[in-house]
Structures are given as structure tokens and as C-alpha cells.
Amino acid sequence: MINKIMELYSRCGISLLDNGINDAVLPMSVANKALELFSEAQWTVLGGDVYQKNNNYMENIYADWHCNLSDYPESCSYAKEHLSKLKGDNIYISFTIKC
């Protein structure tokens, strides 16, 4: 399962190193796939940050969220519900997870 998650980040992820953050974001178009993989791996989603790509720079748009659920299926469902409310172009998500 970890290989599938790593492959998704390798194929679709964008580094935030230019922002001074040692993390990567995924485009909104694959966020639900990531959440499915996290759930299959039994990883709990603790929250995430939301970015918008502007002129090749990732700008935090402060639509971040956190989740206090310790049950991994519920936390992934909560994340999906939150992300479904986001609108806009060039939206990217970074996830905070607990393995």
C-alpha cells in the first residue's frame, strides 16, 4: 500500500521546498484517490493545508483544516467532506497523517 501512495506522490505531487516546507502537495484531482489509499493503509488524516498555484509558486490560501477523529475511516471521510467544499482553480492539498 505504501508503494501506491509513494507512486501517487511521485507522479502527481509538487514539492513545497521552494516555500521552505519539507512537504509535497497533491492536485485536487487526485486528493480523493490519496484519501482512499490512506484509508486502505489504515492511516488517520489529522488535517491538511490548501494551496493554490500562482505563477509556479504554491500560495497557502488558508482553507486549512484539522480533524480530531482517531478512527481512520472517519477521518478520511471528514477530509473528503471538507475538500468537497473547496472551489477554485489550481487547488492543491497537503495532508497531515498519522500512520
PDB file of N, CA and C in Angstrom:
ATOM      1  N   MET A   1       0.826  -1.197   0.000  1.00  0.00           N
ATOM      2  CA  MET A   1       0.000   0.000   0.000  1.00  0.00           C
ATOM      3  C   MET A   1       0.870   1.261   0.000  1.00  0.00           C
ATOM      4  N   ILE A   2       1.916   1.239   0.781  1.00  0.00           N
ATOM      5  CA  ILE A   2       2.804   2.406   0.838  1.00  0.00           C
ATOM      6  C   ILE A   2       3.389   2.695  -0.539  1.00  0.00           C
ATOM      7  N   ASN A   3       3.680   1.640  -1.299  1.00  0.00           N
ATOM      8  CA  ASN A   3       4.205   1.837  -2.656  1.00  0.00           C
ATOM      9  C   ASN A   3       3.223   2.594  -3.535  1.00  0.00           C
ATOM     10  N   LYS A   4       1.924   2.299  -3.396  1.00  0.00           N
ATOM     11  CA  LYS A   4       0.914   3.004  -4.190  1.00  0.00           C
ATOM     12  C   LYS A   4       0.836   4.476  -3.801  1.00  0.00           C
ATOM     13  N   ILE A   5       0.971   4.750  -2.506  1.00  0.00           N
ATOM     14  CA  ILE A   5       0.935   6.132  -2.030  1.00  0.00           C
ATOM     15  C   ILE A   5       2.159   6.880  -2.541  1.00  0.00           C
ATOM     16  N   MET A   6       3.314   6.251  -2.439  1.00  0.00           N
ATOM     17  CA  MET A   6       4.546   6.876  -2.920  1.00  0.00           C
ATOM     18  C   MET A   6       4.494   7.114  -4.434  1.00  0.00           C
ATOM     19  N   GLU A   7       3.927   6.170  -5.159  1.00  0.00           N
ATOM     20  CA  GLU A   7       3.801   6.311  -6.616  1.00  0.00           C
ATOM     21  C   GLU A   7       2.891   7.489  -6.956  1.00  0.00           C
ATOM     22  N   LEU A   8       1.800   7.651  -6.216  1.00  0.00           N
ATOM     23  CA  LEU A   8       0.881   8.769  -6.457  1.00  0.00           C
ATOM     24  C   LEU A   8       1.592  10.103  -6.218  1.00  0.00           C
ATOM     25  N   TYR A   9       2.340  10.198  -5.122  1.00  0.00           N
ATOM     26  CA  TYR A   9       3.081  11.427  -4.843  1.00  0.00           C
ATOM     27  C   TYR A   9       4.181  11.659  -5.873  1.00  0.00           C
ATOM     28  N   SER A  10       4.830  10.583  -6.306  1.00  0.00           N
ATOM     29  CA  SER A  10       5.898  10.705  -7.299  1.00  0.00           C
ATOM     30  C   SER A  10       5.351  11.194  -8.637  1.00  0.00           C
ATOM     31  N   ARG A  11       4.191  10.679  -9.010  1.00  0.00           N
ATOM     32  CA  ARG A  11       3.585  11.001 -10.300  1.00  0.00           C
ATOM     33  C   ARG A  11       2.891  12.361 -10.298  1.00  0.00           C
ATOM     34  N   CYS A  12       2.219  12.703  -9.189  1.00  0.00           N
ATOM     35  CA  CYS A  12       1.344  13.874  -9.180  1.00  0.00           C
ATOM     36  C   CYS A  12       1.744  14.972  -8.198  1.00  0.00           C
ATOM     37  N   GLY A  13       2.598  14.657  -7.253  1.00  0.00           N
ATOM     38  CA  GLY A  13       2.931  15.613  -6.205  1.00  0.00           C
ATOM     39  C   GLY A  13       3.846  16.731  -6.675  1.00  0.00           C
ATOM     40  N   ILE A  14       3.755  17.851  -5.980  1.00  0.00           N
ATOM     41  CA  ILE A  14       4.619  19.001  -6.218  1.00  0.00           C
ATOM     42  C   ILE A  14       5.266  19.368  -4.888  1.00  0.00           C
ATOM     43  N   SER A  15       6.571  19.516  -4.911  1.00  0.00           N
ATOM     44  CA  SER A  15       7.334  19.844  -3.713  1.00  0.00           C
ATOM     45  C   SER A  15       7.025  21.256  -3.222  1.00  0.00           C
ATOM     46  N   LEU A  16       7.066  21.413  -1.901  1.00  0.00           N
ATOM     47  CA  LEU A  16       6.913  22.731  -1.289  1.00  0.00           C
ATOM     48  C   LEU A  16       8.251  23.279  -0.787  1.00  0.00           C
ATOM     49  N   LEU A  17       9.353  22.681  -1.240  1.00  0.00           N
ATOM     50  CA  LEU A  17      10.672  23.136  -0.797  1.00  0.00           C
ATOM     51  C   LEU A  17      10.918  24.600  -1.139  1.00  0.00           C
ATOM     52  N   ASP A  18      10.395  25.076  -2.271  1.00  0.00           N
ATOM     53  CA  ASP A  18      10.544  26.492  -2.630  1.00  0.00           C
ATOM     54  C   ASP A  18       9.812  27.408  -1.653  1.00  0.00           C
ATOM     55  N   ASN A  19       8.863  26.845  -0.912  1.00  0.00           N
ATOM     56  CA  ASN A  19       8.134  27.584   0.114  1.00  0.00           C
ATOM     57  C   ASN A  19       8.821  27.462   1.480  1.00  0.00           C
ATOM     58  N   GLY A  20       9.924  26.699   1.523  1.00  0.00           N
ATOM     59  CA  GLY A  20      10.615  26.472   2.785  1.00  0.00           C
ATOM     60  C   GLY A  20       9.975  25.393   3.627  1.00  0.00           C
ATOM     61  N   ILE A  21       9.176  24.543   2.998  1.00  0.00           N
ATOM     62  CA  ILE A  21       8.455  23.485   3.707  1.00  0.00           C
ATOM     63  C   ILE A  21       8.863  22.139   3.122  1.00  0.00           C
ATOM     64  N   ASN A  22       9.261  21.222   3.982  1.00  0.00           N
ATOM     65  CA  ASN A  22       9.658  19.884   3.545  1.00  0.00           C
ATOM     66  C   ASN A  22       8.416  18.998   3.449  1.00  0.00           C
ATOM     67  N   ASP A  23       7.634  19.238   2.416  1.00  0.00           N
ATOM     68  CA  ASP A  23       6.373  18.520   2.210  1.00  0.00           C
ATOM     69  C   ASP A  23       6.056  18.574   0.723  1.00  0.00           C
ATOM     70  N   ALA A  24       4.987  17.918   0.353  1.00  0.00           N
ATOM     71  CA  ALA A  24       4.523  17.942  -1.032  1.00  0.00           C
ATOM     72  C   ALA A  24       3.009  18.077  -1.029  1.00  0.00           C
ATOM     73  N   VAL A  25       2.500  18.637  -2.110  1.00  0.00           N
ATOM     74  CA  VAL A  25       1.056  18.785  -2.275  1.00  0.00           C
ATOM     75  C   VAL A  25       0.600  17.931  -3.448  1.00  0.00           C
ATOM     76  N   LEU A  26      -0.648  17.561  -3.392  1.00  0.00           N
ATOM     77  CA  LEU A  26      -1.284  16.819  -4.479  1.00  0.00           C
ATOM     78  C   LEU A  26      -2.379  17.678  -5.089  1.00  0.00           C
ATOM     79  N   PRO A  27      -2.573  17.583  -6.406  1.00  0.00           N
ATOM     80  CA  PRO A  27      -3.676  18.331  -7.010  1.00  0.00           C
ATOM     81  C   PRO A  27      -5.011  17.799  -6.517  1.00  0.00           C
ATOM     82  N   MET A  28      -5.971  18.687  -6.465  1.00  0.00           N
ATOM     83  CA  MET A  28      -7.310  18.321  -6.002  1.00  0.00           C
ATOM     84  C   MET A  28      -7.871  17.128  -6.783  1.00  0.00           C
ATOM     85  N   SER A  29      -7.476  16.988  -8.032  1.00  0.00           N
ATOM     86  CA  SER A  29      -7.999  15.916  -8.886  1.00  0.00           C
ATOM     87  C   SER A  29      -7.624  14.523  -8.381  1.00  0.00           C
ATOM     88  N   VAL A  30      -6.584  14.396  -7.562  1.00  0.00           N
ATOM     89  CA  VAL A  30      -6.192  13.079  -7.041  1.00  0.00           C
ATOM     90  C   VAL A  30      -6.323  12.994  -5.518  1.00  0.00           C
ATOM     91  N   ALA A  31      -6.870  14.030  -4.896  1.00  0.00           N
ATOM     92  CA  ALA A  31      -6.991  14.050  -3.435  1.00  0.00           C
ATOM     93  C   ALA A  31      -7.846  12.895  -2.924  1.00  0.00           C
ATOM     94  N   ASN A  32      -8.964  12.617  -3.589  1.00  0.00           N
ATOM     95  CA  ASN A  32      -9.817  11.507  -3.136  1.00  0.00           C
ATOM     96  C   ASN A  32      -9.118  10.165  -3.289  1.00  0.00           C
ATOM     97  N   LYS A  33      -8.323  10.004  -4.343  1.00  0.00           N
ATOM     98  CA  LYS A  33      -7.545   8.774  -4.514  1.00  0.00           C
ATOM     99  C   LYS A  33      -6.554   8.625  -3.362  1.00  0.00           C
ATOM    100  N   ALA A  34      -5.893   9.716  -2.992  1.00  0.00           N
ATOM    101  CA  ALA A  34      -4.962   9.686  -1.862  1.00  0.00           C
ATOM    102  C   ALA A  34      -5.688   9.286  -0.587  1.00  0.00           C
ATOM    103  N   LEU A  35      -6.865   9.842  -0.363  1.00  0.00           N
ATOM    104  CA  LEU A  35      -7.629   9.509   0.840  1.00  0.00           C
ATOM    105  C   LEU A  35      -8.044   8.043   0.848  1.00  0.00           C
ATOM    106  N   GLU A  36      -8.399   7.497  -0.303  1.00  0.00           N
ATOM    107  CA  GLU A  36      -8.720   6.063  -0.387  1.00  0.00           C
ATOM    108  C   GLU A  36      -7.502   5.222  -0.015  1.00  0.00           C
ATOM    109  N   LEU A  37      -6.341   5.592  -0.528  1.00  0.00           N
ATOM    110  CA  LEU A  37      -5.113   4.859  -0.219  1.00  0.00           C
ATOM    111  C   LEU A  37      -4.744   4.990   1.257  1.00  0.00           C
ATOM    112  N   PHE A  38      -4.916   6.181   1.836  1.00  0.00           N
ATOM    113  CA  PHE A  38      -4.645   6.365   3.260  1.00  0.00           C
ATOM    114  C   PHE A  38      -5.558   5.464   4.086  1.00  0.00           C
ATOM    115  N   SER A  39      -6.829   5.399   3.713  1.00  0.00           N
ATOM    116  CA  SER A  39      -7.782   4.568   4.439  1.00  0.00           C
ATOM    117  C   SER A  39      -7.412   3.089   4.332  1.00  0.00           C
ATOM    118  N   GLU A  40      -7.038   2.646   3.124  1.00  0.00           N
ATOM    119  CA  GLU A  40      -6.627   1.252   2.938  1.00  0.00           C
ATOM    120  C   GLU A  40      -5.378   0.924   3.755  1.00  0.00           C
ATOM    121  N   ALA A  41      -4.499   1.907   3.916  1.00  0.00           N
ATOM    122  CA  ALA A  41      -3.284   1.712   4.705  1.00  0.00           C
ATOM    123  C   ALA A  41      -3.556   1.889   6.203  1.00  0.00           C
ATOM    124  N   GLN A  42      -4.788   2.236   6.545  1.00  0.00           N
ATOM    125  CA  GLN A  42      -5.226   2.482   7.919  1.00  0.00           C
ATOM    126  C   GLN A  42      -4.491   3.664   8.548  1.00  0.00           C
ATOM    127  N   TRP A  43      -4.270   4.706   7.738  1.00  0.00           N
ATOM    128  CA  TRP A  43      -3.651   5.944   8.203  1.00  0.00           C
ATOM    129  C   TRP A  43      -4.753   6.941   8.539  1.00  0.00           C
ATOM    130  N   THR A  44      -4.609   7.617   9.643  1.00  0.00           N
ATOM    131  CA  THR A  44      -5.564   8.618  10.083  1.00  0.00           C
ATOM    132  C   THR A  44      -5.154   9.985   9.535  1.00  0.00           C
ATOM    133  N   VAL A  45      -6.098  10.689   8.953  1.00  0.00           N
ATOM    134  CA  VAL A  45      -5.850  12.038   8.449  1.00  0.00           C
ATOM    135  C   VAL A  45      -6.104  13.017   9.593  1.00  0.00           C
ATOM    136  N   LEU A  46      -5.064  13.724   9.983  1.00  0.00           N
ATOM    137  CA  LEU A  46      -5.166  14.683  11.084  1.00  0.00           C
ATOM    138  C   LEU A  46      -5.546  16.082  10.611  1.00  0.00           C
ATOM    139  N   GLY A  47      -5.396  16.326   9.301  1.00  0.00           N
ATOM    140  CA  GLY A  47      -5.725  17.625   8.740  1.00  0.00           C
ATOM    141  C   GLY A  47      -4.966  17.851   7.454  1.00  0.00           C
ATOM    142  N   GLY A  48      -4.938  19.105   7.047  1.00  0.00           N
ATOM    143  CA  GLY A  48      -4.226  19.423   5.821  1.00  0.00           C
ATOM    144  C   GLY A  48      -4.200  20.904   5.547  1.00  0.00           C
ATOM    145  N   ASP A  49      -3.359  21.266   4.610  1.00  0.00           N
ATOM    146  CA  ASP A  49      -3.228  22.644   4.166  1.00  0.00           C
ATOM    147  C   ASP A  49      -3.663  22.727   2.711  1.00  0.00           C
ATOM    148  N   VAL A  50      -4.186  23.873   2.333  1.00  0.00           N
ATOM    149  CA  VAL A  50      -4.711  24.074   0.991  1.00  0.00           C
ATOM    150  C   VAL A  50      -3.895  25.175   0.312  1.00  0.00           C
ATOM    151  N   TYR A  51      -3.439  24.863  -0.883  1.00  0.00           N
ATOM    152  CA  TYR A  51      -2.595  25.780  -1.655  1.00  0.00           C
ATOM    153  C   TYR A  51      -3.220  26.026  -3.019  1.00  0.00           C
ATOM    154  N   GLN A  52      -2.843  27.154  -3.592  1.00  0.00           N
ATOM    155  CA  GLN A  52      -3.223  27.474  -4.963  1.00  0.00           C
ATOM    156  C   GLN A  52      -1.952  27.823  -5.716  1.00  0.00           C
ATOM    157  N   LYS A  53      -1.813  27.266  -6.913  1.00  0.00           N
ATOM    158  CA  LYS A  53      -0.620  27.510  -7.715  1.00  0.00           C
ATOM    159  C   LYS A  53      -0.783  28.818  -8.478  1.00  0.00           C
ATOM    160  N   ASN A  54       0.134  29.751  -8.230  1.00  0.00           N
ATOM    161  CA  ASN A  54       0.131  31.051  -8.899  1.00  0.00           C
ATOM    162  C   ASN A  54       1.531  31.322  -9.421  1.00  0.00           C
ATOM    163  N   ASN A  55       1.675  31.393 -10.748  1.00  0.00           N
ATOM    164  CA  ASN A  55       2.982  31.660 -11.371  1.00  0.00           C
ATOM    165  C   ASN A  55       4.062  30.705 -10.863  1.00  0.00           C
ATOM    166  N   ASN A  56       3.754  29.416 -10.853  1.00  0.00           N
ATOM    167  CA  ASN A  56       4.684  28.372 -10.418  1.00  0.00           C
ATOM    168  C   ASN A  56       5.077  28.469  -8.951  1.00  0.00           C
ATOM    169  N   TYR A  57       4.323  29.191  -8.144  1.00  0.00           N
ATOM    170  CA  TYR A  57       4.560  29.277  -6.706  1.00  0.00           C
ATOM    171  C   TYR A  57       3.308  28.797  -5.987  1.00  0.00           C
ATOM    172  N   MET A  58       3.487  27.976  -4.955  1.00  0.00           N
ATOM    173  CA  MET A  58       2.358  27.480  -4.182  1.00  0.00           C
ATOM    174  C   MET A  58       2.032  28.462  -3.063  1.00  0.00           C
ATOM    175  N   GLU A  59       0.857  29.026  -3.125  1.00  0.00           N
ATOM    176  CA  GLU A  59       0.414  30.010  -2.138  1.00  0.00           C
ATOM    177  C   GLU A  59      -0.627  29.378  -1.218  1.00  0.00           C
ATOM    178  N   ASN A  60      -0.371  29.415   0.080  1.00  0.00           N
ATOM    179  CA  ASN A  60      -1.338  28.896   1.052  1.00  0.00           C
ATOM    180  C   ASN A  60      -2.550  29.821   1.027  1.00  0.00           C
ATOM    181  N   ILE A  61      -3.736  29.239   0.799  1.00  0.00           N
ATOM    182  CA  ILE A  61      -4.948  30.070   0.730  1.00  0.00           C
ATOM    183  C   ILE A  61      -5.743  30.013   2.035  1.00  0.00           C
ATOM    184  N   TYR A  62      -5.157  29.428   3.056  1.00  0.00           N
ATOM    185  CA  TYR A  62      -5.705  29.427   4.412  1.00  0.00           C
ATOM    186  C   TYR A  62      -7.113  28.842   4.492  1.00  0.00           C
ATOM    187  N   ALA A  63      -7.312  27.753   3.775  1.00  0.00           N
ATOM    188  CA  ALA A  63      -8.532  26.963   3.895  1.00  0.00           C
ATOM    189  C   ALA A  63      -8.167  25.647   4.590  1.00  0.00           C
ATOM    190  N   ASP A  64      -7.152  25.725   5.447  1.00  0.00           N
ATOM    191  CA  ASP A  64      -6.620  24.551   6.129  1.00  0.00           C
ATOM    192  C   ASP A  64      -7.661  23.982   7.102  1.00  0.00           C
ATOM    193  N   TRP A  65      -7.457  22.739   7.466  1.00  0.00           N
ATOM    194  CA  TRP A  65      -8.380  22.118   8.409  1.00  0.00           C
ATOM    195  C   TRP A  65      -7.615  21.144   9.295  1.00  0.00           C
ATOM    196  N   HIS A  66      -8.265  20.786  10.408  1.00  0.00           N
ATOM    197  CA  HIS A  66      -7.730  19.736  11.265  1.00  0.00           C
ATOM    198  C   HIS A  66      -8.879  18.834  11.670  1.00  0.00           C
ATOM    199  N   CYS A  67      -8.516  17.643  12.088  1.00  0.00           N
ATOM    200  CA  CYS A  67      -9.518  16.626  12.414  1.00  0.00           C
ATOM    201  C   CYS A  67      -9.107  15.960  13.719  1.00  0.00           C
ATOM    202  N   ASN A  68     -10.027  15.879  14.644  1.00  0.00           N
ATOM    203  CA  ASN A  68      -9.744  15.254  15.939  1.00  0.00           C
ATOM    204  C   ASN A  68     -10.233  13.813  16.017  1.00  0.00           C
ATOM    205  N   LEU A  69     -10.547  13.237  14.882  1.00  0.00           N
ATOM    206  CA  LEU A  69     -11.041  11.859  14.869  1.00  0.00           C
ATOM    207  C   LEU A  69      -9.863  10.898  14.868  1.00  0.00           C
ATOM    208  N   SER A  70      -9.924   9.874  15.708  1.00  0.00           N
ATOM    209  CA  SER A  70      -8.822   8.908  15.769  1.00  0.00           C
ATOM    210  C   SER A  70      -9.108   7.670  14.929  1.00  0.00           C
ATOM    211  N   ASP A  71     -10.322   7.541  14.434  1.00  0.00           N
ATOM    212  CA  ASP A  71     -10.704   6.402  13.599  1.00  0.00           C
ATOM    213  C   ASP A  71     -10.368   6.728  12.145  1.00  0.00           C
ATOM    214  N   TYR A  72      -9.503   5.932  11.530  1.00  0.00           N
ATOM    215  CA  TYR A  72      -9.024   6.284  10.189  1.00  0.00           C
ATOM    216  C   TYR A  72     -10.123   6.382   9.139  1.00  0.00           C
ATOM    217  N   PRO A  73     -11.136   5.491   9.104  1.00  0.00           N
ATOM    218  CA  PRO A  73     -12.165   5.683   8.068  1.00  0.00           C
ATOM    219  C   PRO A  73     -12.945   6.992   8.263  1.00  0.00           C
ATOM    220  N   GLU A  74     -13.242   7.311   9.521  1.00  0.00           N
ATOM    221  CA  GLU A  74     -13.981   8.541   9.791  1.00  0.00           C
ATOM    222  C   GLU A  74     -13.147   9.768   9.445  1.00  0.00           C
ATOM    223  N   SER A  75     -11.847   9.723   9.739  1.00  0.00           N
ATOM    224  CA  SER A  75     -11.005  10.888   9.450  1.00  0.00           C
ATOM    225  C   SER A  75     -10.886  11.104   7.943  1.00  0.00           C
ATOM    226  N   CYS A  76     -10.814  10.023   7.182  1.00  0.00           N
ATOM    227  CA  CYS A  76     -10.744  10.153   5.718  1.00  0.00           C
ATOM    228  C   CYS A  76     -12.062  10.675   5.155  1.00  0.00           C
ATOM    229  N   SER A  77     -13.173  10.234   5.712  1.00  0.00           N
ATOM    230  CA  SER A  77     -14.479  10.744   5.285  1.00  0.00           C
ATOM    231  C   SER A  77     -14.620  12.226   5.611  1.00  0.00           C
ATOM    232  N   TYR A  78     -14.152  12.612   6.793  1.00  0.00           N
ATOM    233  CA  TYR A  78     -14.193  14.023   7.183  1.00  0.00           C
ATOM    234  C   TYR A  78     -13.377  14.861   6.205  1.00  0.00           C
ATOM    235  N   ALA A  79     -12.190  14.380   5.851  1.00  0.00           N
ATOM    236  CA  ALA A  79     -11.328  15.099   4.905  1.00  0.00           C
ATOM    237  C   ALA A  79     -12.012  15.224   3.542  1.00  0.00           C
ATOM    238  N   LYS A  80     -12.629  14.132   3.053  1.00  0.00           N
ATOM    239  CA  LYS A  80     -13.329  14.184   1.769  1.00  0.00           C
ATOM    240  C   LYS A  80     -14.445  15.221   1.799  1.00  0.00           C
ATOM    241  N   GLU A  81     -15.184  15.251   2.898  1.00  0.00           N
ATOM    242  CA  GLU A  81     -16.284  16.204   3.024  1.00  0.00           C
ATOM    243  C   GLU A  81     -15.749  17.639   3.000  1.00  0.00           C
ATOM    244  N   HIS A  82     -14.685  17.886   3.735  1.00  0.00           N
ATOM    245  CA  HIS A  82     -14.098  19.235   3.752  1.00  0.00           C
ATOM    246  C   HIS A  82     -13.609  19.624   2.360  1.00  0.00           C
ATOM    247  N   LEU A  83     -12.895  18.735   1.702  1.00  0.00           N
ATOM    248  CA  LEU A  83     -12.338  19.045   0.388  1.00  0.00           C
ATOM    249  C   LEU A  83     -13.412  19.247  -0.670  1.00  0.00           C
ATOM    250  N   SER A  84     -14.550  18.586  -0.512  1.00  0.00           N
ATOM    251  CA  SER A  84     -15.633  18.742  -1.494  1.00  0.00           C
ATOM    252  C   SER A  84     -16.197  20.159  -1.495  1.00  0.00           C
ATOM    253  N   LYS A  85     -15.954  20.911  -0.439  1.00  0.00           N
ATOM    254  CA  LYS A  85     -16.463  22.281  -0.332  1.00  0.00           C
ATOM    255  C   LYS A  85     -15.532  23.304  -0.987  1.00  0.00           C
ATOM    256  N   LEU A  86     -14.321  22.888  -1.313  1.00  0.00           N
ATOM    257  CA  LEU A  86     -13.351  23.820  -1.885  1.00  0.00           C
ATOM    258  C   LEU A  86     -13.631  24.050  -3.362  1.00  0.00           C
ATOM    259  N   LYS A  87     -13.590  25.290  -3.754  1.00  0.00           N
ATOM    260  CA  LYS A  87     -13.810  25.667  -5.146  1.00  0.00           C
ATOM    261  C   LYS A  87     -12.643  26.530  -5.610  1.00  0.00           C
ATOM    262  N   GLY A  88     -12.336  26.440  -6.869  1.00  0.00           N
ATOM    263  CA  GLY A  88     -11.280  27.280  -7.422  1.00  0.00           C
ATOM    264  C   GLY A  88     -10.389  26.485  -8.350  1.00  0.00           C
ATOM    265  N   ASP A  89      -9.552  27.209  -9.050  1.00  0.00           N
ATOM    266  CA  ASP A  89      -8.619  26.606  -9.993  1.00  0.00           C
ATOM    267  C   ASP A  89      -7.278  26.370  -9.315  1.00  0.00           C
ATOM    268  N   ASN A  90      -6.575  25.389  -9.818  1.00  0.00           N
ATOM    269  CA  ASN A  90      -5.211  25.119  -9.362  1.00  0.00           C
ATOM    270  C   ASN A  90      -5.117  24.890  -7.857  1.00  0.00           C
ATOM    271  N   ILE A  91      -6.041  24.132  -7.298  1.00  0.00           N
ATOM    272  CA  ILE A  91      -6.051  23.850  -5.862  1.00  0.00           C
ATOM    273  C   ILE A  91      -5.218  22.587  -5.599  1.00  0.00           C
ATOM    274  N   TYR A  92      -4.375  22.663  -4.575  1.00  0.00           N
ATOM    275  CA  TYR A  92      -3.503  21.555  -4.171  1.00  0.00           C
ATOM    276  C   TYR A  92      -3.620  21.349  -2.663  1.00  0.00           C
ATOM    277  N   ILE A  93      -3.432  20.113  -2.254  1.00  0.00           N
ATOM    278  CA  ILE A  93      -3.629  19.744  -0.855  1.00  0.00           C
ATOM    279  C   ILE A  93      -2.381  19.074  -0.293  1.00  0.00           C
ATOM    280  N   SER A  94      -1.998  19.472   0.918  1.00  0.00           N
ATOM    281  CA  SER A  94      -1.010  18.700   1.666  1.00  0.00           C
ATOM    282  C   SER A  94      -1.757  18.054   2.831  1.00  0.00           C
ATOM    283  N   PHE A  95      -1.457  16.812   3.099  1.00  0.00           N
ATOM    284  CA  PHE A  95      -2.125  16.082   4.164  1.00  0.00           C
ATOM    285  C   PHE A  95      -1.178  15.874   5.340  1.00  0.00           C
ATOM    286  N   THR A  96      -1.741  15.962   6.535  1.00  0.00           N
ATOM    287  CA  THR A  96      -1.037  15.563   7.750  1.00  0.00           C
ATOM    288  C   THR A  96      -1.676  14.264   8.190  1.00  0.00           C
ATOM    289  N   ILE A  97      -0.857  13.229   8.256  1.00  0.00           N
ATOM    290  CA  ILE A  97      -1.404  11.908   8.567  1.00  0.00           C
ATOM    291  C   ILE A  97      -0.667  11.290   9.743  1.00  0.00           C
ATOM    292  N   LYS A  98      -1.331  10.304  10.339  1.00  0.00           N
ATOM    293  CA  LYS A  98      -0.746   9.510  11.418  1.00  0.00           C
ATOM    294  C   LYS A  98      -0.798   8.057  10.964  1.00  0.00           C
ATOM    295  N   CYS A  99       0.367   7.439  10.913  1.00  0.00           N
ATOM    296  CA  CYS A  99       0.438   6.041  10.473  1.00  0.00           C
ATOM    297  C   CYS A  99       0.145   5.089  11.614  1.00  0.00           C
TER     298      CYS A  99
END
